[in-house]
């Protein structure tokens, strides 16, 4: 389920937004001040943020600035909510990385329309394509290429690569990879992961160094990628 964080200190606005977004099928979390909002987002990043500019604890502009500088949250779509209609405030927020804005008072149907449009655009822009030098991985097409050559990966090899890339440099243990690639019902030997990693590296050829072993812990995609 798509998760939306509302960071807004006006309880009436929060109630309207939460109710209507939940009616649209979204999982909504409401936070009433900037510092708590930042803490929650860092712990469990949502799919989209509705962010008021005038917040207690930390204002929305500072919060947006921090989110855009962190790799974990830099790509989360942000819609600013503000009572200010001055052009400079809006421009400042957009320059910091907000994707859209709405001004109070607003029409709830317009908010929902903008949320849906931004989520669609974000998914389209994030068409699951990653490039590491010559290596290009297209998640949507389940295709990996190096230069003009399509690599012949098995489904498990592709899913391993996808899991590591999705972790964004975090180390994944063998058990975590087993759960993500083979499923929670798999009860085989965890060293199965090692065998498939070796095969994956062989097929990646000159890009094999991107899949790093972290001794005693598991595997990760090379951070500098």
N, C-alpha and C. Protein backbone atom coordinates (compact mmCIF):
# COMPACT_ATOMS: atom_id res chain seq x y z
N UNK A 1 0.84 -1.20 0.00
CA UNK A 1 0.00 0.00 0.00
C UNK A 1 0.88 1.25 0.00
N UNK A 2 0.50 2.25 -0.80
CA UNK A 2 1.25 3.49 -0.88
C UNK A 2 1.11 4.27 0.42
N UNK A 3 2.27 4.69 0.97
CA UNK A 3 2.28 5.37 2.27
C UNK A 3 2.51 6.87 2.08
N UNK A 4 1.68 7.66 2.75
CA UNK A 4 1.78 9.11 2.67
C UNK A 4 1.95 9.68 4.08
N UNK A 5 2.93 10.57 4.24
CA UNK A 5 3.14 11.26 5.51
C UNK A 5 2.60 12.68 5.39
N UNK A 6 1.76 13.08 6.33
CA UNK A 6 1.25 14.45 6.40
C UNK A 6 1.95 15.12 7.57
N UNK A 7 2.72 16.15 7.30
CA UNK A 7 3.40 16.89 8.36
C UNK A 7 2.78 18.28 8.38
N UNK A 8 1.87 18.47 9.33
CA UNK A 8 1.03 19.67 9.37
C UNK A 8 0.56 19.86 10.81
N UNK A 9 0.60 21.10 11.32
CA UNK A 9 0.24 21.33 12.71
C UNK A 9 -1.22 21.73 12.92
N UNK A 10 -1.96 21.96 11.86
CA UNK A 10 -3.38 22.31 11.99
C UNK A 10 -4.21 21.03 12.05
N UNK A 11 -4.81 20.71 13.20
CA UNK A 11 -5.54 19.43 13.34
C UNK A 11 -6.72 19.29 12.39
N UNK A 12 -7.40 20.41 12.08
CA UNK A 12 -8.55 20.32 11.17
C UNK A 12 -8.10 19.95 9.75
N UNK A 13 -7.01 20.56 9.30
CA UNK A 13 -6.48 20.24 7.97
C UNK A 13 -6.01 18.80 7.94
N UNK A 14 -5.34 18.37 9.01
CA UNK A 14 -4.86 16.98 9.08
C UNK A 14 -6.03 16.00 8.99
N UNK A 15 -7.10 16.31 9.70
CA UNK A 15 -8.26 15.41 9.71
C UNK A 15 -8.87 15.28 8.31
N UNK A 16 -8.99 16.42 7.62
CA UNK A 16 -9.56 16.40 6.27
C UNK A 16 -8.67 15.61 5.32
N UNK A 17 -7.37 15.90 5.35
CA UNK A 17 -6.45 15.21 4.45
C UNK A 17 -6.39 13.71 4.75
N UNK A 18 -6.26 13.37 6.04
CA UNK A 18 -6.15 11.97 6.41
C UNK A 18 -7.38 11.18 5.99
N UNK A 19 -8.55 11.70 6.27
CA UNK A 19 -9.78 10.98 5.95
C UNK A 19 -9.90 10.75 4.45
N UNK A 20 -9.72 11.80 3.67
CA UNK A 20 -9.93 11.69 2.22
C UNK A 20 -8.86 10.85 1.54
N UNK A 21 -7.63 10.95 1.99
CA UNK A 21 -6.57 10.13 1.39
C UNK A 21 -6.76 8.65 1.75
N UNK A 22 -7.19 8.39 2.97
CA UNK A 22 -7.47 7.00 3.34
C UNK A 22 -8.63 6.44 2.53
N UNK A 23 -9.62 7.29 2.21
CA UNK A 23 -10.72 6.85 1.36
C UNK A 23 -10.24 6.46 -0.04
N UNK A 24 -9.12 7.05 -0.46
CA UNK A 24 -8.53 6.73 -1.76
C UNK A 24 -7.64 5.49 -1.70
N UNK A 25 -7.49 4.92 -0.50
CA UNK A 25 -6.72 3.68 -0.36
C UNK A 25 -5.29 3.86 0.08
N UNK A 26 -4.92 5.07 0.50
CA UNK A 26 -3.55 5.30 0.94
C UNK A 26 -3.40 5.01 2.44
N UNK A 27 -2.20 4.60 2.82
CA UNK A 27 -1.84 4.42 4.23
C UNK A 27 -1.26 5.75 4.70
N UNK A 28 -1.97 6.43 5.61
CA UNK A 28 -1.63 7.80 5.96
C UNK A 28 -1.11 7.88 7.40
N UNK A 29 -0.01 8.63 7.58
CA UNK A 29 0.53 8.90 8.91
C UNK A 29 0.59 10.41 9.10
N UNK A 30 0.04 10.90 10.21
CA UNK A 30 0.00 12.34 10.49
C UNK A 30 1.01 12.68 11.58
N UNK A 31 1.81 13.72 11.34
CA UNK A 31 2.77 14.22 12.32
C UNK A 31 2.56 15.73 12.43
N UNK A 32 2.64 16.24 13.67
CA UNK A 32 2.25 17.64 13.89
C UNK A 32 3.41 18.61 14.08
N UNK A 33 4.65 18.14 14.07
CA UNK A 33 5.76 19.08 14.13
C UNK A 33 6.95 18.57 13.32
N UNK A 34 7.84 19.49 12.96
CA UNK A 34 8.92 19.17 12.03
C UNK A 34 9.90 18.14 12.54
N UNK A 35 10.30 18.24 13.80
CA UNK A 35 11.31 17.32 14.33
C UNK A 35 10.78 15.88 14.38
N UNK A 36 9.54 15.72 14.84
CA UNK A 36 8.95 14.38 14.86
C UNK A 36 8.77 13.85 13.44
N UNK A 37 8.43 14.76 12.52
CA UNK A 37 8.27 14.35 11.12
C UNK A 37 9.57 13.84 10.54
N UNK A 38 10.66 14.55 10.81
CA UNK A 38 11.97 14.13 10.31
C UNK A 38 12.35 12.76 10.88
N UNK A 39 12.12 12.58 12.18
CA UNK A 39 12.46 11.30 12.82
C UNK A 39 11.68 10.15 12.21
N UNK A 40 10.39 10.35 12.00
CA UNK A 40 9.56 9.28 11.44
C UNK A 40 9.97 8.95 10.01
N UNK A 41 10.22 9.98 9.21
CA UNK A 41 10.59 9.76 7.81
C UNK A 41 11.91 9.02 7.69
N UNK A 42 12.87 9.37 8.52
CA UNK A 42 14.16 8.70 8.48
C UNK A 42 14.06 7.24 8.89
N UNK A 43 13.16 6.95 9.83
CA UNK A 43 13.00 5.57 10.29
C UNK A 43 12.23 4.73 9.29
N UNK A 44 11.22 5.33 8.67
CA UNK A 44 10.34 4.57 7.77
C UNK A 44 9.90 5.49 6.63
N UNK A 45 10.74 5.67 5.60
CA UNK A 45 10.45 6.61 4.54
C UNK A 45 9.13 6.31 3.84
N UNK A 46 8.26 7.32 3.69
CA UNK A 46 6.99 7.12 2.99
C UNK A 46 7.19 7.23 1.49
N UNK A 47 6.10 7.04 0.74
CA UNK A 47 6.14 7.16 -0.71
C UNK A 47 5.92 8.60 -1.17
N UNK A 48 5.31 9.42 -0.30
CA UNK A 48 5.07 10.82 -0.63
C UNK A 48 4.86 11.59 0.67
N UNK A 49 5.25 12.87 0.66
CA UNK A 49 5.12 13.72 1.85
C UNK A 49 4.30 14.96 1.50
N UNK A 50 3.28 15.24 2.32
CA UNK A 50 2.57 16.52 2.29
C UNK A 50 3.14 17.35 3.43
N UNK A 51 3.79 18.45 3.11
CA UNK A 51 4.63 19.16 4.08
C UNK A 51 4.21 20.62 4.22
N UNK A 52 3.76 20.98 5.42
CA UNK A 52 3.46 22.37 5.72
C UNK A 52 4.78 23.14 5.90
N UNK A 53 4.80 24.40 5.47
CA UNK A 53 6.02 25.19 5.63
C UNK A 53 6.16 25.75 7.04
N UNK A 54 5.05 26.15 7.66
CA UNK A 54 5.10 26.76 8.99
C UNK A 54 4.80 25.69 10.04
N UNK A 55 5.87 25.14 10.61
CA UNK A 55 5.73 24.04 11.57
C UNK A 55 6.47 24.37 12.87
N UNK A 56 5.97 23.89 14.01
CA UNK A 56 6.74 24.01 15.25
C UNK A 56 7.90 23.01 15.24
N UNK A 57 8.93 23.30 15.97
CA UNK A 57 10.07 22.39 16.10
C UNK A 57 11.08 22.54 14.99
N UNK A 58 10.64 22.49 13.76
CA UNK A 58 11.50 22.67 12.58
C UNK A 58 10.59 23.05 11.42
N UNK A 59 10.91 24.15 10.74
CA UNK A 59 10.02 24.56 9.66
C UNK A 59 10.17 23.65 8.44
N UNK A 60 9.18 23.72 7.57
CA UNK A 60 9.14 22.82 6.43
C UNK A 60 10.29 22.99 5.46
N UNK A 61 10.78 24.22 5.30
CA UNK A 61 11.90 24.45 4.39
C UNK A 61 13.16 23.76 4.89
N UNK A 62 13.43 23.86 6.20
CA UNK A 62 14.60 23.19 6.76
C UNK A 62 14.46 21.68 6.66
N UNK A 63 13.26 21.19 6.90
CA UNK A 63 13.01 19.76 6.80
C UNK A 63 13.24 19.26 5.38
N UNK A 64 12.72 20.00 4.40
CA UNK A 64 12.91 19.61 3.00
C UNK A 64 14.38 19.61 2.63
N UNK A 65 15.12 20.60 3.13
CA UNK A 65 16.56 20.68 2.84
C UNK A 65 17.30 19.44 3.36
N UNK A 66 16.96 19.01 4.57
CA UNK A 66 17.61 17.83 5.16
C UNK A 66 17.25 16.56 4.37
N UNK A 67 15.98 16.43 4.01
CA UNK A 67 15.53 15.24 3.29
C UNK A 67 16.22 15.12 1.93
N UNK A 68 16.40 16.23 1.25
CA UNK A 68 16.99 16.20 -0.09
C UNK A 68 18.50 15.91 -0.05
N UNK A 69 19.13 16.09 1.10
CA UNK A 69 20.56 15.82 1.21
C UNK A 69 20.88 14.39 1.63
N UNK A 70 19.86 13.66 2.06
CA UNK A 70 20.05 12.28 2.52
C UNK A 70 19.69 11.30 1.41
N UNK A 71 20.58 10.36 1.11
CA UNK A 71 20.35 9.40 0.02
C UNK A 71 19.06 8.60 0.21
N UNK A 72 18.73 8.30 1.46
CA UNK A 72 17.56 7.47 1.75
C UNK A 72 16.25 8.20 1.43
N UNK A 73 16.26 9.52 1.51
CA UNK A 73 15.01 10.29 1.37
C UNK A 73 15.04 11.29 0.22
N UNK A 74 16.14 11.36 -0.50
CA UNK A 74 16.32 12.43 -1.49
C UNK A 74 15.31 12.39 -2.64
N UNK A 75 14.76 11.21 -2.93
CA UNK A 75 13.86 11.09 -4.07
C UNK A 75 12.38 11.00 -3.69
N UNK A 76 12.07 11.14 -2.40
CA UNK A 76 10.67 11.07 -1.99
C UNK A 76 9.93 12.31 -2.51
N UNK A 77 8.81 12.14 -3.22
CA UNK A 77 8.06 13.30 -3.69
C UNK A 77 7.53 14.14 -2.52
N UNK A 78 7.66 15.45 -2.64
CA UNK A 78 7.19 16.37 -1.60
C UNK A 78 6.23 17.39 -2.21
N UNK A 79 5.04 17.51 -1.59
CA UNK A 79 4.11 18.57 -1.93
C UNK A 79 4.05 19.53 -0.75
N UNK A 80 4.42 20.79 -0.97
CA UNK A 80 4.35 21.79 0.09
C UNK A 80 2.92 22.24 0.31
N UNK A 81 2.57 22.44 1.58
CA UNK A 81 1.28 23.04 1.93
C UNK A 81 1.59 24.34 2.66
N UNK A 82 1.07 25.44 2.18
CA UNK A 82 1.40 26.70 2.83
C UNK A 82 0.25 27.69 2.75
N UNK A 83 0.11 28.50 3.79
CA UNK A 83 -0.85 29.59 3.78
C UNK A 83 -0.27 30.79 3.07
N UNK A 84 1.00 30.78 2.84
CA UNK A 84 1.65 31.89 2.16
C UNK A 84 1.46 31.75 0.65
N UNK A 85 1.12 32.84 0.02
CA UNK A 85 0.96 32.81 -1.44
C UNK A 85 2.06 33.62 -2.13
N UNK A 86 3.00 34.17 -1.34
CA UNK A 86 4.06 34.97 -1.93
C UNK A 86 4.93 34.10 -2.83
N UNK A 87 5.28 34.64 -3.96
CA UNK A 87 6.03 33.90 -4.96
C UNK A 87 7.39 33.44 -4.44
N UNK A 88 8.08 34.27 -3.64
CA UNK A 88 9.42 33.94 -3.19
C UNK A 88 9.41 32.72 -2.27
N UNK A 89 8.39 32.60 -1.42
CA UNK A 89 8.30 31.42 -0.54
C UNK A 89 8.13 30.14 -1.34
N UNK A 90 7.28 30.21 -2.36
CA UNK A 90 7.05 29.04 -3.20
C UNK A 90 8.32 28.68 -3.97
N UNK A 91 8.96 29.70 -4.54
CA UNK A 91 10.19 29.45 -5.30
C UNK A 91 11.28 28.87 -4.41
N UNK A 92 11.38 29.38 -3.17
CA UNK A 92 12.39 28.86 -2.25
C UNK A 92 12.17 27.38 -1.97
N UNK A 93 10.91 27.01 -1.74
CA UNK A 93 10.60 25.60 -1.49
C UNK A 93 10.90 24.73 -2.68
N UNK A 94 10.56 25.20 -3.87
CA UNK A 94 10.83 24.42 -5.08
C UNK A 94 12.32 24.29 -5.34
N UNK A 95 13.07 25.34 -5.03
CA UNK A 95 14.52 25.29 -5.21
C UNK A 95 15.16 24.28 -4.26
N UNK A 96 14.55 24.10 -3.09
CA UNK A 96 15.08 23.13 -2.13
C UNK A 96 14.75 21.69 -2.52
N UNK A 97 13.86 21.53 -3.51
CA UNK A 97 13.58 20.18 -3.98
C UNK A 97 12.16 19.73 -3.86
N UNK A 98 11.24 20.61 -3.39
CA UNK A 98 9.82 20.22 -3.37
C UNK A 98 9.34 20.03 -4.81
N UNK A 99 8.43 19.09 -5.00
CA UNK A 99 7.97 18.76 -6.35
C UNK A 99 6.73 19.54 -6.76
N UNK A 100 5.93 19.99 -5.78
CA UNK A 100 4.70 20.71 -6.10
C UNK A 100 4.29 21.47 -4.85
N UNK A 101 3.27 22.31 -4.97
CA UNK A 101 2.78 23.06 -3.82
C UNK A 101 1.28 23.29 -3.95
N UNK A 102 0.64 23.44 -2.79
CA UNK A 102 -0.75 23.87 -2.73
C UNK A 102 -0.85 24.94 -1.66
N UNK A 103 -1.74 25.90 -1.85
CA UNK A 103 -1.90 26.97 -0.88
C UNK A 103 -3.24 26.84 -0.17
N UNK A 104 -3.24 27.19 1.11
CA UNK A 104 -4.46 27.19 1.91
C UNK A 104 -5.24 28.48 1.63
N UNK A 105 -6.57 28.39 1.58
CA UNK A 105 -7.41 27.17 1.63
C UNK A 105 -7.35 26.43 0.30
N UNK A 106 -7.51 25.12 0.37
CA UNK A 106 -7.43 24.32 -0.85
C UNK A 106 -8.69 23.46 -0.99
N UNK A 107 -8.88 22.96 -2.19
CA UNK A 107 -9.97 22.02 -2.45
C UNK A 107 -9.40 20.61 -2.34
N UNK A 108 -10.05 19.77 -1.56
CA UNK A 108 -9.50 18.44 -1.28
C UNK A 108 -9.36 17.61 -2.55
N UNK A 109 -10.28 17.77 -3.51
CA UNK A 109 -10.17 17.00 -4.75
C UNK A 109 -8.93 17.40 -5.54
N UNK A 110 -8.57 18.68 -5.44
CA UNK A 110 -7.35 19.12 -6.12
C UNK A 110 -6.12 18.49 -5.47
N UNK A 111 -6.12 18.43 -4.15
CA UNK A 111 -5.00 17.81 -3.44
C UNK A 111 -4.85 16.36 -3.86
N UNK A 112 -5.94 15.62 -3.87
CA UNK A 112 -5.90 14.21 -4.24
C UNK A 112 -5.42 14.05 -5.68
N UNK A 113 -5.90 14.92 -6.57
CA UNK A 113 -5.48 14.84 -7.97
C UNK A 113 -3.98 15.07 -8.09
N UNK A 114 -3.46 16.02 -7.33
CA UNK A 114 -2.02 16.31 -7.40
C UNK A 114 -1.20 15.18 -6.79
N UNK A 115 -1.71 14.60 -5.73
CA UNK A 115 -1.02 13.45 -5.12
C UNK A 115 -0.92 12.31 -6.13
N UNK A 116 -2.02 11.99 -6.77
CA UNK A 116 -2.04 10.90 -7.75
C UNK A 116 -1.12 11.19 -8.93
N UNK A 117 -1.18 12.42 -9.41
CA UNK A 117 -0.34 12.79 -10.56
C UNK A 117 1.14 12.72 -10.21
N UNK A 118 1.51 13.18 -9.03
CA UNK A 118 2.92 13.17 -8.64
C UNK A 118 3.42 11.74 -8.42
N UNK A 119 2.58 10.90 -7.84
CA UNK A 119 2.97 9.50 -7.65
C UNK A 119 3.16 8.80 -8.99
N UNK A 120 2.26 9.07 -9.94
CA UNK A 120 2.40 8.49 -11.29
C UNK A 120 3.68 8.96 -11.95
N UNK A 121 3.94 10.26 -11.86
CA UNK A 121 5.14 10.81 -12.49
C UNK A 121 6.40 10.25 -11.84
N UNK A 122 6.37 10.13 -10.53
CA UNK A 122 7.54 9.61 -9.82
C UNK A 122 7.82 8.17 -10.22
N UNK A 123 6.76 7.37 -10.33
CA UNK A 123 6.96 5.96 -10.73
C UNK A 123 7.45 5.86 -12.16
N UNK A 124 6.96 6.76 -13.02
CA UNK A 124 7.39 6.74 -14.42
C UNK A 124 8.84 7.20 -14.54
N UNK A 125 9.17 8.29 -13.82
CA UNK A 125 10.55 8.79 -13.86
C UNK A 125 11.51 7.79 -13.25
N UNK A 126 11.02 7.12 -12.20
CA UNK A 126 11.84 6.11 -11.53
C UNK A 126 11.54 4.76 -12.18
N UNK A 127 11.70 4.70 -13.51
CA UNK A 127 11.30 3.52 -14.28
C UNK A 127 12.22 2.34 -14.00
N UNK A 128 12.75 2.32 -12.77
CA UNK A 128 13.56 1.18 -12.35
C UNK A 128 14.76 0.97 -13.27
N UNK A 129 15.40 2.03 -13.69
CA UNK A 129 16.60 1.91 -14.51
C UNK A 129 17.79 2.43 -13.73
N UNK A 130 18.80 1.60 -13.61
CA UNK A 130 20.03 1.98 -12.90
C UNK A 130 21.22 1.76 -13.81
N UNK A 131 22.20 2.66 -13.72
CA UNK A 131 23.40 2.52 -14.53
C UNK A 131 24.63 2.65 -13.67
N UNK A 132 25.53 1.70 -13.83
CA UNK A 132 26.81 1.70 -13.16
C UNK A 132 27.89 1.55 -14.24
N UNK A 133 28.41 2.68 -14.72
CA UNK A 133 29.38 2.60 -15.80
C UNK A 133 28.73 2.00 -17.04
N UNK A 134 29.29 0.90 -17.55
CA UNK A 134 28.76 0.23 -18.74
C UNK A 134 27.52 -0.61 -18.43
N UNK A 135 27.33 -0.91 -17.14
CA UNK A 135 26.25 -1.82 -16.75
C UNK A 135 24.94 -1.06 -16.58
N UNK A 136 23.87 -1.51 -17.25
CA UNK A 136 22.55 -0.89 -17.16
C UNK A 136 21.54 -1.95 -16.74
N UNK A 137 20.80 -1.67 -15.68
CA UNK A 137 19.80 -2.60 -15.16
C UNK A 137 18.43 -1.95 -15.29
N UNK A 138 17.53 -2.59 -16.02
CA UNK A 138 16.16 -2.11 -16.18
C UNK A 138 15.23 -3.06 -15.43
N UNK A 139 14.76 -2.60 -14.26
CA UNK A 139 13.91 -3.46 -13.43
C UNK A 139 12.60 -3.78 -14.14
N UNK A 140 12.02 -2.78 -14.82
CA UNK A 140 10.72 -2.98 -15.45
C UNK A 140 10.76 -4.05 -16.53
N UNK A 141 11.86 -4.05 -17.29
CA UNK A 141 11.98 -5.01 -18.39
C UNK A 141 12.71 -6.29 -17.97
N UNK A 142 13.19 -6.34 -16.72
CA UNK A 142 13.95 -7.48 -16.24
C UNK A 142 15.14 -7.74 -17.19
N UNK A 143 15.87 -6.67 -17.46
CA UNK A 143 16.96 -6.76 -18.43
C UNK A 143 18.22 -6.11 -17.90
N UNK A 144 19.35 -6.78 -18.10
CA UNK A 144 20.65 -6.24 -17.71
C UNK A 144 21.55 -6.24 -18.93
N UNK A 145 22.18 -5.11 -19.19
CA UNK A 145 23.06 -5.02 -20.36
C UNK A 145 24.39 -4.40 -19.97
N UNK A 146 25.41 -4.74 -20.73
CA UNK A 146 26.74 -4.17 -20.56
C UNK A 146 27.21 -3.71 -21.93
N UNK A 147 27.29 -2.39 -22.12
CA UNK A 147 27.57 -1.86 -23.45
C UNK A 147 26.41 -2.19 -24.37
N UNK A 148 26.70 -2.86 -25.49
CA UNK A 148 25.63 -3.26 -26.41
C UNK A 148 25.26 -4.73 -26.25
N UNK A 149 25.67 -5.33 -25.15
CA UNK A 149 25.46 -6.76 -24.92
C UNK A 149 24.41 -6.99 -23.83
N UNK A 150 23.38 -7.80 -24.12
CA UNK A 150 22.38 -8.18 -23.12
C UNK A 150 22.90 -9.39 -22.35
N UNK A 151 22.93 -9.27 -21.02
CA UNK A 151 23.44 -10.37 -20.19
C UNK A 151 22.33 -11.39 -19.95
N UNK A 152 22.69 -12.65 -20.04
CA UNK A 152 21.73 -13.75 -19.89
C UNK A 152 21.67 -14.19 -18.43
N UNK A 153 20.93 -13.43 -17.61
CA UNK A 153 20.81 -13.78 -16.20
C UNK A 153 19.58 -14.66 -15.97
N UNK A 154 19.71 -15.60 -15.05
CA UNK A 154 18.55 -16.39 -14.65
C UNK A 154 17.64 -15.50 -13.79
N UNK A 155 16.37 -15.88 -13.59
CA UNK A 155 15.49 -15.08 -12.74
C UNK A 155 16.05 -14.86 -11.34
N UNK A 156 16.66 -15.90 -10.74
CA UNK A 156 17.21 -15.74 -9.39
C UNK A 156 18.40 -14.78 -9.39
N UNK A 157 19.24 -14.85 -10.41
CA UNK A 157 20.39 -13.93 -10.50
C UNK A 157 19.91 -12.49 -10.64
N UNK A 158 18.88 -12.29 -11.47
CA UNK A 158 18.34 -10.95 -11.64
C UNK A 158 17.74 -10.43 -10.33
N UNK A 159 16.99 -11.27 -9.63
CA UNK A 159 16.36 -10.86 -8.38
C UNK A 159 17.40 -10.56 -7.31
N UNK A 160 18.50 -11.31 -7.31
CA UNK A 160 19.60 -11.02 -6.37
C UNK A 160 20.17 -9.63 -6.64
N UNK A 161 20.43 -9.35 -7.92
CA UNK A 161 20.98 -8.06 -8.29
C UNK A 161 20.01 -6.94 -7.93
N UNK A 162 18.73 -7.16 -8.20
CA UNK A 162 17.71 -6.16 -7.88
C UNK A 162 17.63 -5.90 -6.38
N UNK A 163 17.69 -6.96 -5.57
CA UNK A 163 17.63 -6.80 -4.12
C UNK A 163 18.81 -5.99 -3.60
N UNK A 164 19.99 -6.25 -4.13
CA UNK A 164 21.17 -5.53 -3.69
C UNK A 164 21.12 -4.06 -4.10
N UNK A 165 20.67 -3.80 -5.32
CA UNK A 165 20.57 -2.42 -5.78
C UNK A 165 19.52 -1.67 -4.97
N UNK A 166 18.39 -2.31 -4.70
CA UNK A 166 17.32 -1.67 -3.94
C UNK A 166 17.74 -1.33 -2.52
N UNK A 167 18.72 -2.06 -1.99
CA UNK A 167 19.22 -1.80 -0.64
C UNK A 167 20.10 -0.56 -0.57
N UNK A 168 20.49 -0.02 -1.74
CA UNK A 168 21.24 1.24 -1.83
C UNK A 168 22.50 1.26 -0.96
N UNK A 169 23.28 0.23 -1.09
CA UNK A 169 24.56 0.19 -0.38
C UNK A 169 24.52 -0.46 0.98
N UNK A 170 23.31 -0.74 1.50
CA UNK A 170 23.23 -1.44 2.78
C UNK A 170 23.59 -2.91 2.60
N UNK A 171 24.18 -3.47 3.62
CA UNK A 171 24.56 -4.88 3.57
C UNK A 171 23.32 -5.74 3.80
N UNK A 172 23.14 -6.75 2.93
CA UNK A 172 22.07 -7.72 3.10
C UNK A 172 22.68 -9.07 3.47
N UNK A 173 22.19 -9.66 4.54
CA UNK A 173 22.68 -10.97 4.95
C UNK A 173 22.18 -12.05 4.00
N UNK A 174 22.77 -13.24 4.09
CA UNK A 174 22.30 -14.36 3.27
C UNK A 174 20.83 -14.66 3.55
N UNK A 175 20.45 -14.61 4.84
CA UNK A 175 19.06 -14.90 5.18
C UNK A 175 18.11 -13.86 4.60
N UNK A 176 18.52 -12.59 4.61
CA UNK A 176 17.67 -11.56 4.02
C UNK A 176 17.52 -11.78 2.51
N UNK A 177 18.60 -12.14 1.86
CA UNK A 177 18.54 -12.40 0.42
C UNK A 177 17.70 -13.64 0.12
N UNK A 178 17.82 -14.65 0.96
CA UNK A 178 16.99 -15.84 0.78
C UNK A 178 15.51 -15.48 0.87
N UNK A 179 15.16 -14.66 1.87
CA UNK A 179 13.76 -14.26 2.05
C UNK A 179 13.26 -13.46 0.85
N UNK A 180 14.08 -12.53 0.35
CA UNK A 180 13.64 -11.65 -0.73
C UNK A 180 13.59 -12.36 -2.09
N UNK A 181 14.54 -13.27 -2.32
CA UNK A 181 14.66 -13.89 -3.64
C UNK A 181 13.98 -15.25 -3.71
N UNK A 182 14.17 -16.07 -2.68
CA UNK A 182 13.60 -17.42 -2.69
C UNK A 182 12.27 -17.50 -1.96
N UNK A 183 12.00 -16.52 -1.09
CA UNK A 183 10.73 -16.50 -0.38
C UNK A 183 10.85 -17.02 1.04
N UNK A 184 9.90 -16.60 1.87
CA UNK A 184 9.93 -16.96 3.29
C UNK A 184 9.74 -18.45 3.53
N UNK A 185 9.17 -19.15 2.55
CA UNK A 185 8.90 -20.59 2.72
C UNK A 185 10.10 -21.45 2.36
N UNK A 186 11.20 -20.83 1.91
CA UNK A 186 12.37 -21.61 1.50
C UNK A 186 13.16 -22.05 2.73
N UNK A 187 13.47 -23.33 2.82
CA UNK A 187 14.18 -23.87 3.97
C UNK A 187 15.52 -24.49 3.59
N UNK A 188 16.04 -24.14 2.41
CA UNK A 188 17.30 -24.71 1.97
C UNK A 188 18.50 -24.08 2.64
N UNK A 189 19.68 -24.48 2.18
CA UNK A 189 20.95 -24.02 2.74
C UNK A 189 21.22 -22.58 2.34
N UNK A 190 21.63 -21.76 3.33
CA UNK A 190 21.88 -20.34 3.04
C UNK A 190 23.06 -20.15 2.08
N UNK A 191 23.93 -21.15 1.98
CA UNK A 191 25.07 -21.04 1.06
C UNK A 191 24.62 -21.05 -0.40
N UNK A 192 23.34 -21.36 -0.63
CA UNK A 192 22.78 -21.24 -1.97
C UNK A 192 23.02 -19.84 -2.51
N UNK A 193 22.93 -18.85 -1.62
CA UNK A 193 23.15 -17.46 -2.02
C UNK A 193 24.55 -17.28 -2.57
N UNK A 194 25.55 -17.87 -1.89
CA UNK A 194 26.94 -17.73 -2.33
C UNK A 194 27.14 -18.28 -3.74
N UNK A 195 26.52 -19.43 -4.00
CA UNK A 195 26.64 -20.05 -5.32
C UNK A 195 26.08 -19.13 -6.40
N UNK A 196 24.91 -18.58 -6.15
CA UNK A 196 24.28 -17.70 -7.13
C UNK A 196 25.04 -16.37 -7.28
N UNK A 197 25.61 -15.88 -6.19
CA UNK A 197 26.42 -14.65 -6.27
C UNK A 197 27.64 -14.88 -7.15
N UNK A 198 28.28 -16.05 -7.00
CA UNK A 198 29.45 -16.37 -7.84
C UNK A 198 29.07 -16.40 -9.31
N UNK A 199 27.92 -17.03 -9.61
CA UNK A 199 27.46 -17.10 -11.00
C UNK A 199 27.11 -15.70 -11.53
N UNK A 200 26.49 -14.90 -10.67
CA UNK A 200 26.13 -13.55 -11.07
C UNK A 200 27.37 -12.73 -11.39
N UNK A 201 28.37 -12.82 -10.53
CA UNK A 201 29.61 -12.06 -10.76
C UNK A 201 30.28 -12.49 -12.07
N UNK A 202 30.26 -13.77 -12.33
CA UNK A 202 30.88 -14.26 -13.57
C UNK A 202 30.20 -13.66 -14.79
N UNK A 203 28.87 -13.58 -14.76
CA UNK A 203 28.14 -13.02 -15.89
C UNK A 203 28.30 -11.50 -15.99
N UNK A 204 28.49 -10.85 -14.83
CA UNK A 204 28.70 -9.40 -14.85
C UNK A 204 30.07 -9.03 -15.42
N UNK A 205 30.99 -10.00 -15.40
CA UNK A 205 32.31 -9.82 -16.01
C UNK A 205 33.04 -8.62 -15.41
N UNK A 206 33.33 -7.60 -16.20
CA UNK A 206 34.11 -6.46 -15.71
C UNK A 206 33.39 -5.64 -14.64
N UNK A 207 32.08 -5.85 -14.51
CA UNK A 207 31.31 -5.15 -13.47
C UNK A 207 31.15 -6.00 -12.21
N UNK A 208 31.81 -7.16 -12.17
CA UNK A 208 31.65 -8.07 -11.04
C UNK A 208 32.03 -7.42 -9.71
N UNK A 209 32.97 -6.47 -9.75
CA UNK A 209 33.44 -5.83 -8.51
C UNK A 209 32.35 -5.01 -7.83
N UNK A 210 31.25 -4.72 -8.54
CA UNK A 210 30.16 -3.95 -7.93
C UNK A 210 29.46 -4.72 -6.82
N UNK A 211 29.47 -6.04 -6.91
CA UNK A 211 28.86 -6.87 -5.87
C UNK A 211 29.93 -7.21 -4.85
N UNK A 212 29.88 -6.55 -3.72
CA UNK A 212 30.91 -6.69 -2.69
C UNK A 212 30.51 -7.70 -1.62
N UNK A 213 31.51 -8.45 -1.15
CA UNK A 213 31.32 -9.33 0.00
C UNK A 213 31.74 -8.59 1.26
N UNK A 214 30.88 -8.58 2.26
CA UNK A 214 31.23 -8.01 3.56
C UNK A 214 31.36 -9.20 4.51
N UNK A 215 32.60 -9.56 4.79
CA UNK A 215 32.87 -10.79 5.53
C UNK A 215 32.14 -10.82 6.87
N UNK A 216 31.49 -11.95 7.10
CA UNK A 216 30.77 -12.14 8.35
C UNK A 216 29.38 -11.56 8.37
N UNK A 217 29.01 -10.83 7.29
CA UNK A 217 27.70 -10.17 7.27
C UNK A 217 26.87 -10.53 6.04
N UNK A 218 27.43 -10.35 4.84
CA UNK A 218 26.66 -10.66 3.65
C UNK A 218 27.20 -9.93 2.44
N UNK A 219 26.29 -9.33 1.66
CA UNK A 219 26.68 -8.69 0.39
C UNK A 219 26.04 -7.32 0.26
N UNK A 220 26.65 -6.51 -0.60
CA UNK A 220 26.09 -5.20 -0.91
C UNK A 220 26.58 -4.75 -2.28
N UNK A 221 25.88 -3.76 -2.83
CA UNK A 221 26.33 -3.10 -4.05
C UNK A 221 27.34 -2.04 -3.65
N UNK A 222 28.40 -1.91 -4.40
CA UNK A 222 29.46 -0.97 -4.08
C UNK A 222 28.89 0.42 -3.89
N UNK A 223 29.20 1.04 -2.76
CA UNK A 223 28.58 2.30 -2.36
C UNK A 223 28.81 3.42 -3.37
N UNK A 224 30.01 3.50 -3.93
CA UNK A 224 30.34 4.61 -4.82
C UNK A 224 29.53 4.57 -6.12
N UNK A 225 28.86 3.45 -6.38
CA UNK A 225 28.04 3.33 -7.59
C UNK A 225 26.81 4.22 -7.50
